[in-house]
Amino acid sequence: MTDARPPAMFIADALGLDFLNSLAVPLDTPVEYLASGEDLVAWLRQAGLVPAAVLDETLAHAGPGELDAVAAQARALREWFRGFVREHRGRRLDAQVVARLEPLNRLLARDEGYGQVYAAPGQEGTGLQWVPMRRWRAPDALLLPIAQAMAELLTTADFSQVKACEGPACTLFFLDRTRGHKRRWCNMAVCGNRAKQAAHRERLTQRS
C-alpha cells in the first residue's frame, strides 16, 4: 500500500524538535508519523537515530503489538515534551526546570549504553577511537535515542531561540540558528511562501 502522507519533516535543526514535528500540519491537515510501530521504525530510520541493522532486527523479532505499544509510548513522550517546549520556548532555561524533567530522566536511566575502543586509521594520536554503543534488549529501547536527542536539546541549545513557525495553521517547531535569529517559518517554500501570497492578496485588496 502506498503511503499517501508527505515525507516526515526534519527542518528543526535539532532532532529533539524534529521529534515534536512527527505530528505536523504541513498542508492544512494533521499528519501523524508515529501512528504505529512500523511508523516509529520508519521515522527513526529517516532520523538516523538507530542503526538500520537494529531496526531491521527489531521488526523481524518483535512480538504482536509490541512495536505498536512502543509507538504509543513515543506519542505520549512527545506530547509531554511538547507541553514543556511550549511553556519554555523563547527564553533561556535555568536549573529550576529540572524538577519538570523527571519523566525524561526516568527514561534515560533505563539506557544500557557502553563504549568500545576501535582502530581509527588515519587519525592523529594513538590511531584508536572511543565508539559509544547501546544494548537493544527490547523494542522499547528504541525510545532511548529519542530521549537522548531531547536531553541534548535541553542541555546544549539556547532555548530562547526555540520558536514555533508563524504560519497560522502550522504546528512545527525549530531552533533558529540563523545569523541575527530572524527565522520565522518552518520552511520558506511552504509557510513562508503562503505568507508572501497572503500579504500580496492583502495589498491588492487595499488598492481596490
N, C-alpha and C. Protein backbone atom coordinates (compact mmCIF):
# COMPACT_ATOMS: atom_id res chain seq x y z
N MET A 1 0.85 -1.19 0.00
CA MET A 1 0.00 0.00 0.00
C MET A 1 0.89 1.24 0.00
N THR A 2 0.58 2.20 -0.83
CA THR A 2 1.35 3.42 -0.92
C THR A 2 0.98 4.36 0.23
N ASP A 3 2.00 4.92 0.88
CA ASP A 3 1.78 5.86 1.96
C ASP A 3 1.45 7.22 1.34
N ALA A 4 0.23 7.71 1.59
CA ALA A 4 -0.20 8.97 0.99
C ALA A 4 0.33 10.18 1.76
N ARG A 5 0.95 9.95 2.90
CA ARG A 5 1.46 11.07 3.68
C ARG A 5 2.68 11.69 3.00
N PRO A 6 2.88 13.01 3.19
CA PRO A 6 4.14 13.60 2.73
C PRO A 6 5.28 13.05 3.58
N PRO A 7 6.52 13.15 3.09
CA PRO A 7 7.65 12.65 3.88
C PRO A 7 7.74 13.35 5.23
N ALA A 8 8.26 12.64 6.22
CA ALA A 8 8.48 13.26 7.53
C ALA A 8 9.38 14.47 7.38
N MET A 9 9.16 15.46 8.24
CA MET A 9 9.86 16.73 8.11
C MET A 9 10.99 16.83 9.13
N PHE A 10 12.19 17.09 8.65
CA PHE A 10 13.36 17.28 9.50
C PHE A 10 13.91 18.68 9.19
N ILE A 11 13.24 19.67 9.73
CA ILE A 11 13.54 21.07 9.39
C ILE A 11 13.92 21.87 10.64
N ALA A 12 14.00 21.22 11.79
CA ALA A 12 14.10 21.96 13.05
C ALA A 12 15.52 22.33 13.44
N ASP A 13 16.53 21.73 12.78
CA ASP A 13 17.93 21.92 13.16
C ASP A 13 18.20 21.41 14.57
N ALA A 14 17.37 20.50 15.04
CA ALA A 14 17.56 19.85 16.34
C ALA A 14 16.64 18.64 16.35
N LEU A 15 17.22 17.45 16.52
CA LEU A 15 16.39 16.24 16.44
C LEU A 15 15.34 16.17 17.54
N GLY A 16 15.62 16.78 18.70
CA GLY A 16 14.63 16.79 19.76
C GLY A 16 13.36 17.53 19.34
N LEU A 17 13.51 18.56 18.52
CA LEU A 17 12.35 19.28 18.00
C LEU A 17 11.76 18.59 16.78
N ASP A 18 12.61 17.95 15.97
CA ASP A 18 12.09 17.15 14.86
C ASP A 18 11.15 16.06 15.38
N PHE A 19 11.46 15.55 16.57
CA PHE A 19 10.59 14.54 17.18
C PHE A 19 9.21 15.14 17.45
N LEU A 20 9.15 16.37 17.96
CA LEU A 20 7.84 17.02 18.15
C LEU A 20 7.13 17.18 16.82
N ASN A 21 7.89 17.42 15.77
CA ASN A 21 7.30 17.65 14.46
C ASN A 21 6.86 16.36 13.77
N SER A 22 6.97 15.23 14.48
CA SER A 22 6.43 13.99 13.93
C SER A 22 4.90 13.97 13.98
N LEU A 23 4.32 14.95 14.62
CA LEU A 23 2.89 15.26 14.45
C LEU A 23 2.86 16.65 13.84
N ALA A 24 2.42 16.77 12.62
CA ALA A 24 2.60 18.02 11.88
C ALA A 24 1.34 18.39 11.11
N VAL A 25 1.27 19.66 10.75
CA VAL A 25 0.22 20.14 9.86
C VAL A 25 0.92 20.83 8.69
N PRO A 26 1.57 20.05 7.81
CA PRO A 26 2.33 20.68 6.74
C PRO A 26 1.46 21.27 5.63
N LEU A 27 0.28 20.67 5.41
CA LEU A 27 -0.60 21.14 4.33
C LEU A 27 -2.04 21.18 4.80
N ASP A 28 -2.27 21.86 5.92
CA ASP A 28 -3.60 22.11 6.48
C ASP A 28 -4.21 20.92 7.22
N THR A 29 -3.81 19.71 6.90
CA THR A 29 -4.38 18.52 7.54
C THR A 29 -3.35 17.89 8.47
N PRO A 30 -3.70 17.61 9.73
CA PRO A 30 -2.73 16.99 10.65
C PRO A 30 -2.24 15.65 10.11
N VAL A 31 -0.93 15.42 10.25
CA VAL A 31 -0.30 14.18 9.80
C VAL A 31 0.44 13.57 10.98
N GLU A 32 0.12 12.32 11.29
CA GLU A 32 0.75 11.59 12.39
C GLU A 32 1.77 10.62 11.80
N TYR A 33 3.05 10.82 12.13
CA TYR A 33 4.10 9.97 11.61
C TYR A 33 4.46 8.83 12.55
N LEU A 34 3.81 8.76 13.72
CA LEU A 34 4.10 7.70 14.68
C LEU A 34 2.83 6.93 15.02
N ALA A 35 1.98 6.71 14.04
CA ALA A 35 0.69 6.08 14.29
C ALA A 35 0.81 4.61 14.65
N SER A 36 1.90 3.97 14.26
CA SER A 36 2.06 2.54 14.51
C SER A 36 3.53 2.25 14.80
N GLY A 37 3.79 1.01 15.18
CA GLY A 37 5.17 0.61 15.40
C GLY A 37 6.01 0.71 14.15
N GLU A 38 5.45 0.31 13.01
CA GLU A 38 6.19 0.42 11.76
C GLU A 38 6.47 1.88 11.42
N ASP A 39 5.52 2.75 11.73
CA ASP A 39 5.74 4.19 11.53
C ASP A 39 6.92 4.68 12.36
N LEU A 40 6.96 4.24 13.63
CA LEU A 40 8.06 4.66 14.51
C LEU A 40 9.40 4.21 13.96
N VAL A 41 9.46 2.97 13.51
CA VAL A 41 10.70 2.45 12.94
C VAL A 41 11.09 3.25 11.71
N ALA A 42 10.11 3.57 10.85
CA ALA A 42 10.40 4.35 9.64
C ALA A 42 10.91 5.74 10.00
N TRP A 43 10.31 6.36 11.01
CA TRP A 43 10.76 7.70 11.41
C TRP A 43 12.17 7.65 11.98
N LEU A 44 12.46 6.67 12.83
CA LEU A 44 13.80 6.52 13.40
C LEU A 44 14.84 6.28 12.30
N ARG A 45 14.43 5.53 11.28
CA ARG A 45 15.35 5.27 10.17
C ARG A 45 15.66 6.56 9.42
N GLN A 46 14.63 7.36 9.16
CA GLN A 46 14.84 8.63 8.47
C GLN A 46 15.66 9.61 9.31
N ALA A 47 15.44 9.57 10.62
CA ALA A 47 16.16 10.48 11.51
C ALA A 47 17.60 10.07 11.71
N GLY A 48 17.92 8.80 11.40
CA GLY A 48 19.28 8.31 11.60
C GLY A 48 19.63 8.12 13.07
N LEU A 49 18.62 7.92 13.92
CA LEU A 49 18.86 7.79 15.35
C LEU A 49 19.20 6.37 15.78
N VAL A 50 18.84 5.39 14.97
CA VAL A 50 19.07 3.99 15.32
C VAL A 50 19.70 3.30 14.11
N PRO A 51 20.74 2.49 14.33
CA PRO A 51 21.35 1.78 13.19
C PRO A 51 20.32 0.95 12.42
N ALA A 52 20.44 0.95 11.11
CA ALA A 52 19.48 0.24 10.26
C ALA A 52 19.39 -1.24 10.62
N ALA A 53 20.53 -1.85 10.95
CA ALA A 53 20.53 -3.28 11.30
C ALA A 53 19.71 -3.54 12.55
N VAL A 54 19.77 -2.61 13.51
CA VAL A 54 18.98 -2.76 14.74
C VAL A 54 17.49 -2.65 14.44
N LEU A 55 17.14 -1.70 13.59
CA LEU A 55 15.73 -1.54 13.23
C LEU A 55 15.21 -2.77 12.49
N ASP A 56 16.01 -3.30 11.56
CA ASP A 56 15.59 -4.48 10.82
C ASP A 56 15.39 -5.68 11.75
N GLU A 57 16.30 -5.85 12.69
CA GLU A 57 16.20 -6.97 13.63
C GLU A 57 14.99 -6.80 14.55
N THR A 58 14.75 -5.58 14.97
CA THR A 58 13.59 -5.32 15.84
C THR A 58 12.29 -5.63 15.11
N LEU A 59 12.19 -5.21 13.86
CA LEU A 59 10.99 -5.51 13.07
C LEU A 59 10.79 -7.02 12.92
N ALA A 60 11.90 -7.72 12.74
CA ALA A 60 11.81 -9.16 12.49
C ALA A 60 11.44 -9.95 13.73
N HIS A 61 11.78 -9.47 14.91
CA HIS A 61 11.64 -10.28 16.12
C HIS A 61 10.64 -9.75 17.13
N ALA A 62 10.09 -8.56 16.93
CA ALA A 62 9.12 -8.01 17.90
C ALA A 62 7.86 -8.85 17.90
N GLY A 63 7.28 -9.02 19.08
CA GLY A 63 6.05 -9.77 19.20
C GLY A 63 4.85 -8.99 18.70
N PRO A 64 3.70 -9.66 18.53
CA PRO A 64 2.49 -8.99 18.04
C PRO A 64 2.11 -7.81 18.93
N GLY A 65 1.94 -6.66 18.33
CA GLY A 65 1.53 -5.48 19.08
C GLY A 65 2.62 -4.81 19.88
N GLU A 66 3.80 -5.43 19.96
CA GLU A 66 4.85 -4.90 20.82
C GLU A 66 5.35 -3.54 20.33
N LEU A 67 5.59 -3.44 19.03
CA LEU A 67 6.07 -2.17 18.49
C LEU A 67 4.98 -1.10 18.52
N ASP A 68 3.74 -1.51 18.32
CA ASP A 68 2.64 -0.53 18.41
C ASP A 68 2.57 0.06 19.81
N ALA A 69 2.84 -0.77 20.84
CA ALA A 69 2.85 -0.27 22.21
C ALA A 69 3.98 0.72 22.42
N VAL A 70 5.15 0.45 21.81
CA VAL A 70 6.27 1.39 21.91
C VAL A 70 5.94 2.70 21.21
N ALA A 71 5.26 2.62 20.06
CA ALA A 71 4.85 3.84 19.36
C ALA A 71 3.89 4.66 20.22
N ALA A 72 3.00 3.99 20.96
CA ALA A 72 2.10 4.71 21.86
C ALA A 72 2.89 5.42 22.95
N GLN A 73 3.92 4.76 23.48
CA GLN A 73 4.78 5.41 24.46
C GLN A 73 5.50 6.61 23.85
N ALA A 74 5.94 6.46 22.61
CA ALA A 74 6.63 7.56 21.93
C ALA A 74 5.68 8.76 21.77
N ARG A 75 4.43 8.50 21.42
CA ARG A 75 3.47 9.61 21.26
C ARG A 75 3.23 10.31 22.59
N ALA A 76 3.12 9.52 23.67
CA ALA A 76 2.92 10.12 24.99
C ALA A 76 4.12 10.96 25.40
N LEU A 77 5.32 10.44 25.14
CA LEU A 77 6.55 11.19 25.43
C LEU A 77 6.58 12.48 24.63
N ARG A 78 6.22 12.40 23.37
CA ARG A 78 6.22 13.57 22.50
C ARG A 78 5.27 14.65 23.01
N GLU A 79 4.06 14.26 23.41
CA GLU A 79 3.09 15.27 23.84
C GLU A 79 3.47 15.87 25.19
N TRP A 80 4.10 15.06 26.07
CA TRP A 80 4.63 15.63 27.31
C TRP A 80 5.70 16.68 26.99
N PHE A 81 6.60 16.35 26.09
CA PHE A 81 7.69 17.27 25.76
C PHE A 81 7.16 18.49 25.00
N ARG A 82 6.12 18.31 24.21
CA ARG A 82 5.52 19.45 23.52
C ARG A 82 5.03 20.49 24.53
N GLY A 83 4.39 20.02 25.60
CA GLY A 83 3.93 20.94 26.63
C GLY A 83 5.08 21.70 27.27
N PHE A 84 6.18 20.99 27.52
CA PHE A 84 7.35 21.63 28.11
C PHE A 84 7.91 22.69 27.17
N VAL A 85 8.05 22.35 25.89
CA VAL A 85 8.63 23.29 24.92
C VAL A 85 7.73 24.50 24.75
N ARG A 86 6.43 24.29 24.66
CA ARG A 86 5.51 25.42 24.52
C ARG A 86 5.63 26.37 25.71
N GLU A 87 5.81 25.82 26.88
CA GLU A 87 5.88 26.65 28.09
C GLU A 87 7.18 27.42 28.17
N HIS A 88 8.28 26.83 27.71
CA HIS A 88 9.59 27.42 27.97
C HIS A 88 10.29 28.00 26.74
N ARG A 89 9.75 27.78 25.55
CA ARG A 89 10.43 28.30 24.36
C ARG A 89 10.49 29.82 24.43
N GLY A 90 11.52 30.35 23.79
CA GLY A 90 11.66 31.80 23.73
C GLY A 90 12.40 32.41 24.90
N ARG A 91 12.85 31.59 25.85
CA ARG A 91 13.66 32.12 26.94
C ARG A 91 14.63 31.03 27.41
N ARG A 92 15.71 31.47 28.00
CA ARG A 92 16.74 30.53 28.44
C ARG A 92 16.23 29.67 29.58
N LEU A 93 16.66 28.42 29.59
CA LEU A 93 16.30 27.53 30.68
C LEU A 93 17.20 27.79 31.88
N ASP A 94 16.69 27.50 33.06
CA ASP A 94 17.52 27.57 34.27
C ASP A 94 17.34 26.28 35.06
N ALA A 95 18.10 26.18 36.16
CA ALA A 95 18.13 24.94 36.93
C ALA A 95 16.77 24.57 37.51
N GLN A 96 15.88 25.52 37.63
CA GLN A 96 14.59 25.24 38.24
C GLN A 96 13.72 24.31 37.41
N VAL A 97 14.02 24.18 36.11
CA VAL A 97 13.17 23.33 35.27
C VAL A 97 13.47 21.84 35.48
N VAL A 98 14.56 21.53 36.18
CA VAL A 98 14.95 20.12 36.34
C VAL A 98 13.83 19.30 36.95
N ALA A 99 13.10 19.88 37.88
CA ALA A 99 12.00 19.16 38.53
C ALA A 99 10.94 18.75 37.52
N ARG A 100 10.80 19.51 36.43
CA ARG A 100 9.81 19.20 35.40
C ARG A 100 10.28 18.08 34.47
N LEU A 101 11.55 17.72 34.55
CA LEU A 101 12.13 16.79 33.59
C LEU A 101 12.23 15.36 34.12
N GLU A 102 11.53 15.08 35.21
CA GLU A 102 11.60 13.74 35.79
C GLU A 102 11.19 12.64 34.81
N PRO A 103 10.13 12.81 34.00
CA PRO A 103 9.80 11.73 33.04
C PRO A 103 10.93 11.44 32.07
N LEU A 104 11.63 12.47 31.63
CA LEU A 104 12.75 12.26 30.72
C LEU A 104 13.90 11.57 31.44
N ASN A 105 14.22 11.99 32.64
CA ASN A 105 15.33 11.38 33.37
C ASN A 105 15.04 9.92 33.72
N ARG A 106 13.77 9.60 34.00
CA ARG A 106 13.41 8.20 34.25
C ARG A 106 13.68 7.35 33.03
N LEU A 107 13.34 7.86 31.87
CA LEU A 107 13.59 7.12 30.64
C LEU A 107 15.08 6.98 30.38
N LEU A 108 15.83 8.05 30.54
CA LEU A 108 17.27 7.99 30.31
C LEU A 108 17.96 7.01 31.26
N ALA A 109 17.42 6.82 32.45
CA ALA A 109 18.02 5.91 33.42
C ALA A 109 17.93 4.45 32.98
N ARG A 110 17.08 4.16 31.99
CA ARG A 110 16.95 2.78 31.50
C ARG A 110 18.01 2.44 30.47
N ASP A 111 18.80 3.42 30.05
CA ASP A 111 19.76 3.21 28.96
C ASP A 111 20.85 2.22 29.37
N GLU A 112 21.15 1.30 28.46
CA GLU A 112 22.26 0.36 28.66
C GLU A 112 23.39 0.73 27.71
N GLY A 113 23.86 1.94 27.85
CA GLY A 113 24.94 2.40 27.00
C GLY A 113 26.29 1.95 27.50
N TYR A 114 27.18 1.77 26.58
CA TYR A 114 28.57 1.45 26.91
C TYR A 114 29.42 1.93 25.74
N GLY A 115 30.68 1.64 25.76
CA GLY A 115 31.55 2.07 24.67
C GLY A 115 32.57 1.00 24.34
N GLN A 116 33.16 1.12 23.17
CA GLN A 116 34.20 0.20 22.73
C GLN A 116 35.34 1.00 22.11
N VAL A 117 36.55 0.44 22.21
CA VAL A 117 37.72 1.05 21.59
C VAL A 117 37.97 0.35 20.26
N TYR A 118 38.01 1.14 19.19
CA TYR A 118 38.23 0.60 17.85
C TYR A 118 39.41 1.31 17.19
N ALA A 119 39.94 0.67 16.18
CA ALA A 119 41.00 1.29 15.40
C ALA A 119 40.42 2.44 14.58
N ALA A 120 41.19 3.49 14.46
CA ALA A 120 40.78 4.66 13.68
C ALA A 120 41.91 5.04 12.74
N PRO A 121 42.10 4.27 11.67
CA PRO A 121 43.22 4.53 10.76
C PRO A 121 43.17 5.95 10.21
N GLY A 122 44.33 6.56 10.13
CA GLY A 122 44.42 7.89 9.55
C GLY A 122 44.27 9.01 10.54
N GLN A 123 43.79 8.72 11.76
CA GLN A 123 43.66 9.78 12.76
C GLN A 123 44.99 10.02 13.44
N GLU A 124 45.18 11.26 13.88
CA GLU A 124 46.38 11.59 14.62
C GLU A 124 46.29 11.00 16.03
N GLY A 125 47.44 10.87 16.68
CA GLY A 125 47.47 10.33 18.03
C GLY A 125 47.66 8.83 18.02
N THR A 126 46.86 8.11 18.83
CA THR A 126 47.07 6.67 19.00
C THR A 126 46.54 5.85 17.85
N GLY A 127 45.68 6.41 17.01
CA GLY A 127 45.03 5.63 15.96
C GLY A 127 43.86 4.82 16.47
N LEU A 128 43.40 5.16 17.70
CA LEU A 128 42.26 4.49 18.30
C LEU A 128 41.14 5.50 18.54
N GLN A 129 39.92 4.99 18.60
CA GLN A 129 38.78 5.87 18.87
C GLN A 129 37.80 5.20 19.82
N TRP A 130 37.10 5.99 20.59
CA TRP A 130 36.06 5.54 21.52
C TRP A 130 34.72 5.64 20.79
N VAL A 131 34.00 4.53 20.70
CA VAL A 131 32.74 4.49 19.97
C VAL A 131 31.61 4.15 20.95
N PRO A 132 30.67 5.07 21.17
CA PRO A 132 29.52 4.77 22.03
C PRO A 132 28.66 3.66 21.43
N MET A 133 28.17 2.77 22.27
CA MET A 133 27.33 1.65 21.85
C MET A 133 26.11 1.58 22.76
N ARG A 134 25.17 0.72 22.40
CA ARG A 134 23.97 0.55 23.22
C ARG A 134 23.48 -0.88 23.06
N ARG A 135 23.00 -1.47 24.15
CA ARG A 135 22.36 -2.79 24.08
C ARG A 135 20.87 -2.59 23.81
N TRP A 136 20.39 -3.25 22.78
CA TRP A 136 18.99 -3.11 22.37
C TRP A 136 18.25 -4.38 22.81
N ARG A 137 17.97 -4.51 24.10
CA ARG A 137 17.43 -5.76 24.64
C ARG A 137 15.94 -5.92 24.35
N ALA A 138 15.23 -4.84 24.14
CA ALA A 138 13.78 -4.92 23.94
C ALA A 138 13.35 -3.78 23.02
N PRO A 139 12.20 -3.91 22.36
CA PRO A 139 11.76 -2.86 21.45
C PRO A 139 11.66 -1.48 22.07
N ASP A 140 11.32 -1.40 23.37
CA ASP A 140 11.19 -0.07 23.97
C ASP A 140 12.53 0.65 24.11
N ALA A 141 13.64 -0.06 23.86
CA ALA A 141 14.94 0.62 23.82
C ALA A 141 15.01 1.62 22.66
N LEU A 142 14.11 1.49 21.69
CA LEU A 142 14.09 2.45 20.59
C LEU A 142 13.77 3.86 21.07
N LEU A 143 13.18 3.98 22.26
CA LEU A 143 12.87 5.31 22.79
C LEU A 143 14.11 6.03 23.31
N LEU A 144 15.17 5.28 23.60
CA LEU A 144 16.33 5.88 24.27
C LEU A 144 17.07 6.90 23.41
N PRO A 145 17.33 6.64 22.13
CA PRO A 145 17.98 7.69 21.34
C PRO A 145 17.12 8.94 21.17
N ILE A 146 15.80 8.76 21.20
CA ILE A 146 14.90 9.93 21.16
C ILE A 146 15.09 10.75 22.43
N ALA A 147 15.11 10.06 23.58
CA ALA A 147 15.31 10.74 24.86
C ALA A 147 16.66 11.45 24.88
N GLN A 148 17.67 10.82 24.31
CA GLN A 148 18.99 11.43 24.27
C GLN A 148 18.98 12.69 23.42
N ALA A 149 18.25 12.66 22.29
CA ALA A 149 18.15 13.86 21.45
C ALA A 149 17.43 14.98 22.18
N MET A 150 16.42 14.64 22.96
CA MET A 150 15.72 15.64 23.75
C MET A 150 16.65 16.23 24.81
N ALA A 151 17.41 15.36 25.49
CA ALA A 151 18.34 15.83 26.51
C ALA A 151 19.41 16.72 25.91
N GLU A 152 19.88 16.38 24.72
CA GLU A 152 20.89 17.20 24.06
C GLU A 152 20.33 18.59 23.75
N LEU A 153 19.08 18.65 23.29
CA LEU A 153 18.45 19.94 23.04
C LEU A 153 18.39 20.76 24.32
N LEU A 154 17.98 20.14 25.41
CA LEU A 154 17.81 20.85 26.68
C LEU A 154 19.13 21.37 27.23
N THR A 155 20.20 20.64 26.99
CA THR A 155 21.47 20.97 27.64
C THR A 155 22.44 21.74 26.76
N THR A 156 22.21 21.78 25.45
CA THR A 156 23.17 22.45 24.57
C THR A 156 22.57 23.60 23.77
N ALA A 157 21.27 23.65 23.62
CA ALA A 157 20.64 24.68 22.79
C ALA A 157 20.26 25.89 23.62
N ASP A 158 20.25 27.04 22.98
CA ASP A 158 19.73 28.26 23.59
C ASP A 158 18.22 28.24 23.41
N PHE A 159 17.50 27.97 24.48
CA PHE A 159 16.04 27.82 24.38
C PHE A 159 15.35 29.11 24.00
N SER A 160 16.05 30.23 24.15
CA SER A 160 15.44 31.48 23.72
C SER A 160 15.31 31.54 22.20
N GLN A 161 16.00 30.63 21.49
CA GLN A 161 15.91 30.56 20.03
C GLN A 161 15.05 29.38 19.56
N VAL A 162 14.37 28.72 20.47
CA VAL A 162 13.38 27.72 20.08
C VAL A 162 12.09 28.46 19.72
N LYS A 163 11.63 28.27 18.51
CA LYS A 163 10.50 29.04 18.00
C LYS A 163 9.44 28.12 17.39
N ALA A 164 8.23 28.62 17.34
CA ALA A 164 7.15 27.98 16.60
C ALA A 164 6.98 28.72 15.28
N CYS A 165 6.74 27.97 14.22
CA CYS A 165 6.51 28.59 12.92
C CYS A 165 5.35 29.58 13.02
N GLU A 166 5.49 30.71 12.33
CA GLU A 166 4.46 31.74 12.37
C GLU A 166 3.32 31.49 11.39
N GLY A 167 3.38 30.39 10.66
CA GLY A 167 2.25 30.05 9.79
C GLY A 167 0.99 29.85 10.61
N PRO A 168 -0.14 30.44 10.21
CA PRO A 168 -1.36 30.41 11.02
C PRO A 168 -1.82 29.01 11.41
N ALA A 169 -1.66 28.03 10.52
CA ALA A 169 -2.12 26.68 10.82
C ALA A 169 -0.98 25.74 11.16
N CYS A 170 0.25 26.23 11.09
CA CYS A 170 1.41 25.34 11.24
C CYS A 170 1.67 25.04 12.71
N THR A 171 2.11 23.82 12.99
CA THR A 171 2.39 23.40 14.36
C THR A 171 3.86 23.10 14.59
N LEU A 172 4.72 23.39 13.61
CA LEU A 172 6.11 22.95 13.68
C LEU A 172 6.98 23.88 14.51
N PHE A 173 7.95 23.26 15.19
CA PHE A 173 8.94 23.98 15.97
C PHE A 173 10.29 23.91 15.27
N PHE A 174 11.16 24.86 15.60
CA PHE A 174 12.53 24.80 15.08
C PHE A 174 13.45 25.57 16.02
N LEU A 175 14.74 25.29 15.89
CA LEU A 175 15.77 26.02 16.61
C LEU A 175 16.39 27.01 15.62
N ASP A 176 16.25 28.28 15.91
CA ASP A 176 16.71 29.32 14.99
C ASP A 176 18.22 29.51 15.14
N ARG A 177 18.96 28.93 14.20
CA ARG A 177 20.41 29.06 14.20
C ARG A 177 20.89 30.09 13.17
N THR A 178 19.95 30.82 12.58
CA THR A 178 20.34 31.77 11.55
C THR A 178 21.06 32.97 12.15
N ARG A 179 21.87 33.62 11.32
CA ARG A 179 22.54 34.84 11.77
C ARG A 179 21.49 35.91 12.04
N GLY A 180 21.56 36.50 13.21
CA GLY A 180 20.57 37.51 13.58
C GLY A 180 19.29 36.92 14.14
N HIS A 181 19.14 35.60 14.07
CA HIS A 181 17.98 34.90 14.62
C HIS A 181 16.67 35.50 14.11
N LYS A 182 16.58 35.61 12.78
CA LYS A 182 15.41 36.20 12.14
C LYS A 182 14.48 35.16 11.51
N ARG A 183 14.76 33.89 11.70
CA ARG A 183 13.93 32.87 11.07
C ARG A 183 12.51 32.92 11.63
N ARG A 184 11.52 32.86 10.73
CA ARG A 184 10.12 32.94 11.13
C ARG A 184 9.31 31.71 10.73
N TRP A 185 9.80 30.97 9.73
CA TRP A 185 8.98 29.92 9.13
C TRP A 185 9.66 28.57 9.26
N CYS A 186 8.85 27.53 9.31
CA CYS A 186 9.39 26.18 9.28
C CYS A 186 10.12 25.94 7.97
N ASN A 187 9.53 26.44 6.90
CA ASN A 187 10.06 26.23 5.56
C ASN A 187 9.59 27.39 4.69
N MET A 188 10.54 28.09 4.08
CA MET A 188 10.16 29.22 3.22
C MET A 188 9.31 28.78 2.04
N ALA A 189 9.53 27.53 1.55
CA ALA A 189 8.80 27.06 0.39
C ALA A 189 7.34 26.75 0.72
N VAL A 190 7.02 26.57 2.00
CA VAL A 190 5.66 26.24 2.39
C VAL A 190 5.03 27.43 3.12
N CYS A 191 5.30 27.56 4.40
CA CYS A 191 4.66 28.63 5.18
C CYS A 191 5.16 30.02 4.78
N GLY A 192 6.45 30.15 4.48
CA GLY A 192 6.96 31.44 4.06
C GLY A 192 6.31 31.91 2.78
N ASN A 193 6.16 31.00 1.82
CA ASN A 193 5.53 31.35 0.55
C ASN A 193 4.05 31.68 0.74
N ARG A 194 3.38 30.94 1.61
CA ARG A 194 1.97 31.24 1.88
C ARG A 194 1.82 32.64 2.47
N ALA A 195 2.73 32.99 3.37
CA ALA A 195 2.66 34.31 3.99
C ALA A 195 2.87 35.41 2.94
N LYS A 196 3.80 35.18 2.03
CA LYS A 196 4.03 36.16 0.96
C LYS A 196 2.79 36.31 0.08
N GLN A 197 2.17 35.18 -0.25
CA GLN A 197 0.96 35.23 -1.08
C GLN A 197 -0.17 35.95 -0.37
N ALA A 198 -0.31 35.68 0.94
CA ALA A 198 -1.37 36.33 1.71
C ALA A 198 -1.13 37.83 1.78
N ALA A 199 0.13 38.23 1.98
CA ALA A 199 0.45 39.66 2.03
C ALA A 199 0.18 40.32 0.69
N HIS A 200 0.49 39.60 -0.40
CA HIS A 200 0.24 40.14 -1.73
C HIS A 200 -1.25 40.33 -1.96
N ARG A 201 -2.06 39.36 -1.57
CA ARG A 201 -3.52 39.48 -1.73
C ARG A 201 -4.06 40.65 -0.90
N GLU A 202 -3.49 40.81 0.31
CA GLU A 202 -3.93 41.91 1.17
C GLU A 202 -3.62 43.26 0.53
N ARG A 203 -2.45 43.38 -0.08
CA ARG A 203 -2.10 44.64 -0.75
C ARG A 203 -3.03 44.92 -1.92
N LEU A 204 -3.36 43.87 -2.68
CA LEU A 204 -4.28 44.04 -3.81
C LEU A 204 -5.66 44.48 -3.33
N THR A 205 -6.11 43.90 -2.21
CA THR A 205 -7.41 44.26 -1.66
C THR A 205 -7.44 45.71 -1.22
N GLN A 206 -6.35 46.16 -0.60
CA GLN A 206 -6.29 47.54 -0.14
C GLN A 206 -6.28 48.53 -1.28
N ARG A 207 -5.72 48.14 -2.43
CA ARG A 207 -5.65 49.04 -3.58
C ARG A 207 -6.98 49.15 -4.33
N SER A 208 -7.78 48.09 -4.21
CA SER A 208 -9.04 48.05 -4.98
C SER A 208 -10.13 48.88 -4.31
